[in-house]
Amino acid sequence: MAQVPSPKAVEKADEYWHVRFRDPDEFSEIRTPDWAAEAAESVYEGSEVRTGHREGSDEWVVQSVLIPASAERSTAESKAKAILEKLEG
């Protein structure tokens, strides 16, 4: 199983908890793909995933996971980790 990173930040915005696993400055492009949202929804309803593309690489990795703000902070962090493990683990 691949090593997945720990959250670097957990911040609450208006609609979501933003659980950041990788610095957005590491990426040349960031997207919110439908296929990742479907995987996230299977772990926690209403979740989204932002993936990043590093310049010079064909690989896309999870940059952050968005969990609905109605969740508790601890729930947001644990569900985001579960989503990351599902996608990259």
C-alpha atoms as a PDB file:
ATOM      1  CA  MET A   1       0.000   0.000   0.000  1.00  0.00           C
ATOM      2  CA  ALA A   2       1.314   3.467  -0.904  1.00  0.00           C
ATOM      3  CA  GLN A   3       2.194   5.954   1.808  1.00  0.00           C
ATOM      4  CA  VAL A   4      -0.428   8.720   1.927  1.00  0.00           C
ATOM      5  CA  PRO A   5       0.408  12.116   3.430  1.00  0.00           C
ATOM      6  CA  SER A   6      -1.078  13.478   6.643  1.00  0.00           C
ATOM      7  CA  PRO A   7      -3.167  16.658   6.498  1.00  0.00           C
ATOM      8  CA  LYS A   8      -1.088  19.818   6.429  1.00  0.00           C
ATOM      9  CA  ALA A   9      -4.065  22.074   7.261  1.00  0.00           C
ATOM     10  CA  VAL A  10      -7.739  21.774   8.178  1.00  0.00           C
ATOM     11  CA  GLU A  11      -9.647  25.014   7.658  1.00  0.00           C
ATOM     12  CA  LYS A  12     -13.359  25.770   7.668  1.00  0.00           C
ATOM     13  CA  ALA A  13     -14.778  28.001   4.936  1.00  0.00           C
ATOM     14  CA  ASP A  14     -18.421  28.872   4.264  1.00  0.00           C
ATOM     15  CA  GLU A  15     -19.548  25.555   2.793  1.00  0.00           C
ATOM     16  CA  TYR A  16     -16.669  23.142   3.383  1.00  0.00           C
ATOM     17  CA  TRP A  17     -13.872  22.015   5.587  1.00  0.00           C
ATOM     18  CA  HIS A  18     -10.756  22.215   3.392  1.00  0.00           C
ATOM     19  CA  VAL A  19      -8.435  19.385   4.370  1.00  0.00           C
ATOM     20  CA  ARG A  20      -5.174  20.124   2.584  1.00  0.00           C
ATOM     21  CA  PHE A  21      -2.711  17.296   2.064  1.00  0.00           C
ATOM     22  CA  ARG A  22      -0.290  19.000  -0.347  1.00  0.00           C
ATOM     23  CA  ASP A  23       0.675  22.624  -0.933  1.00  0.00           C
ATOM     24  CA  PRO A  24      -1.175  24.077  -3.952  1.00  0.00           C
ATOM     25  CA  ASP A  25       2.061  25.790  -5.034  1.00  0.00           C
ATOM     26  CA  GLU A  26       3.463  22.320  -5.897  1.00  0.00           C
ATOM     27  CA  PHE A  27       1.122  22.074  -8.883  1.00  0.00           C
ATOM     28  CA  SER A  28       0.901  23.604 -12.332  1.00  0.00           C
ATOM     29  CA  GLU A  29      -2.837  22.888 -12.481  1.00  0.00           C
ATOM     30  CA  ILE A  30      -5.583  21.954  -9.985  1.00  0.00           C
ATOM     31  CA  ARG A  31      -8.930  20.396 -10.933  1.00  0.00           C
ATOM     32  CA  THR A  32     -12.030  19.007  -9.238  1.00  0.00           C
ATOM     33  CA  PRO A  33     -12.686  15.913 -11.381  1.00  0.00           C
ATOM     34  CA  ASP A  34     -16.052  14.145 -11.459  1.00  0.00           C
ATOM     35  CA  TRP A  35     -14.491  10.697 -11.027  1.00  0.00           C
ATOM     36  CA  ALA A  36     -12.857  11.773  -7.755  1.00  0.00           C
ATOM     37  CA  ALA A  37     -16.087  13.321  -6.489  1.00  0.00           C
ATOM     38  CA  GLU A  38     -17.852  10.006  -7.046  1.00  0.00           C
ATOM     39  CA  ALA A  39     -15.228   8.206  -4.959  1.00  0.00           C
ATOM     40  CA  ALA A  40     -15.438  10.887  -2.257  1.00  0.00           C
ATOM     41  CA  GLU A  41     -19.243  10.689  -2.157  1.00  0.00           C
ATOM     42  CA  SER A  42     -18.983   6.972  -1.444  1.00  0.00           C
ATOM     43  CA  VAL A  43     -17.114   7.824   1.785  1.00  0.00           C
ATOM     44  CA  TYR A  44     -18.927  11.013   2.877  1.00  0.00           C
ATOM     45  CA  GLU A  45     -21.910  12.570   1.108  1.00  0.00           C
ATOM     46  CA  GLY A  46     -21.284  16.007  -0.393  1.00  0.00           C
ATOM     47  CA  SER A  47     -17.493  15.673  -0.421  1.00  0.00           C
ATOM     48  CA  GLU A  48     -15.268  16.852  -3.241  1.00  0.00           C
ATOM     49  CA  VAL A  49     -11.648  16.261  -4.171  1.00  0.00           C
ATOM     50  CA  ARG A  50      -9.175  18.647  -5.730  1.00  0.00           C
ATOM     51  CA  THR A  51      -6.387  16.997  -7.664  1.00  0.00           C
ATOM     52  CA  GLY A  52      -3.149  18.601  -8.760  1.00  0.00           C
ATOM     53  CA  HIS A  53      -0.829  18.031 -11.695  1.00  0.00           C
ATOM     54  CA  ARG A  54       2.888  18.536 -11.186  1.00  0.00           C
ATOM     55  CA  GLU A  55       4.748  20.069 -14.115  1.00  0.00           C
ATOM     56  CA  GLY A  56       6.913  17.539 -15.903  1.00  0.00           C
ATOM     57  CA  SER A  57       4.812  14.603 -14.702  1.00  0.00           C
ATOM     58  CA  ASP A  58       1.819  12.712 -16.060  1.00  0.00           C
ATOM     59  CA  GLU A  59       0.598  12.033 -12.526  1.00  0.00           C
ATOM     60  CA  TRP A  60      -2.374  13.702 -10.840  1.00  0.00           C
ATOM     61  CA  VAL A  61      -2.531  13.465  -7.035  1.00  0.00           C
ATOM     62  CA  VAL A  62      -4.956  14.656  -4.363  1.00  0.00           C
ATOM     63  CA  GLN A  63      -4.185  18.198  -3.278  1.00  0.00           C
ATOM     64  CA  SER A  64      -7.125  18.621  -0.895  1.00  0.00           C
ATOM     65  CA  VAL A  65     -10.436  17.112   0.129  1.00  0.00           C
ATOM     66  CA  LEU A  66     -13.518  19.215   0.820  1.00  0.00           C
ATOM     67  CA  ILE A  67     -15.964  17.926   3.434  1.00  0.00           C
ATOM     68  CA  PRO A  68     -19.306  19.704   4.024  1.00  0.00           C
ATOM     69  CA  ALA A  69     -19.072  22.310   6.813  1.00  0.00           C
ATOM     70  CA  SER A  70     -21.936  20.647   8.682  1.00  0.00           C
ATOM     71  CA  ALA A  71     -19.476  17.942   9.809  1.00  0.00           C
ATOM     72  CA  GLU A  72     -17.414  18.251  12.970  1.00  0.00           C
ATOM     73  CA  ARG A  73     -13.734  19.090  12.447  1.00  0.00           C
ATOM     74  CA  SER A  74     -12.581  15.650  13.614  1.00  0.00           C
ATOM     75  CA  THR A  75     -15.063  13.952  11.277  1.00  0.00           C
ATOM     76  CA  ALA A  76     -13.907  16.112   8.370  1.00  0.00           C
ATOM     77  CA  GLU A  77     -10.282  15.185   8.988  1.00  0.00           C
ATOM     78  CA  SER A  78     -10.911  11.441   9.384  1.00  0.00           C
ATOM     79  CA  LYS A  79     -13.227  11.221   6.354  1.00  0.00           C
ATOM     80  CA  ALA A  80     -10.769  13.216   4.227  1.00  0.00           C
ATOM     81  CA  LYS A  81      -8.022  10.751   5.175  1.00  0.00           C
ATOM     82  CA  ALA A  82     -10.308   7.840   4.250  1.00  0.00           C
ATOM     83  CA  ILE A  83     -11.038   9.433   0.870  1.00  0.00           C
ATOM     84  CA  LEU A  84      -7.333  10.024   0.211  1.00  0.00           C
ATOM     85  CA  GLU A  85      -6.528   6.403   1.111  1.00  0.00           C
ATOM     86  CA  LYS A  86      -9.290   5.187  -1.204  1.00  0.00           C
ATOM     87  CA  LEU A  87      -7.902   7.215  -4.106  1.00  0.00           C
ATOM     88  CA  GLU A  88      -4.167   6.843  -3.533  1.00  0.00           C
ATOM     89  CA  GLY A  89      -3.735   3.963  -1.090  1.00  0.00           C
END
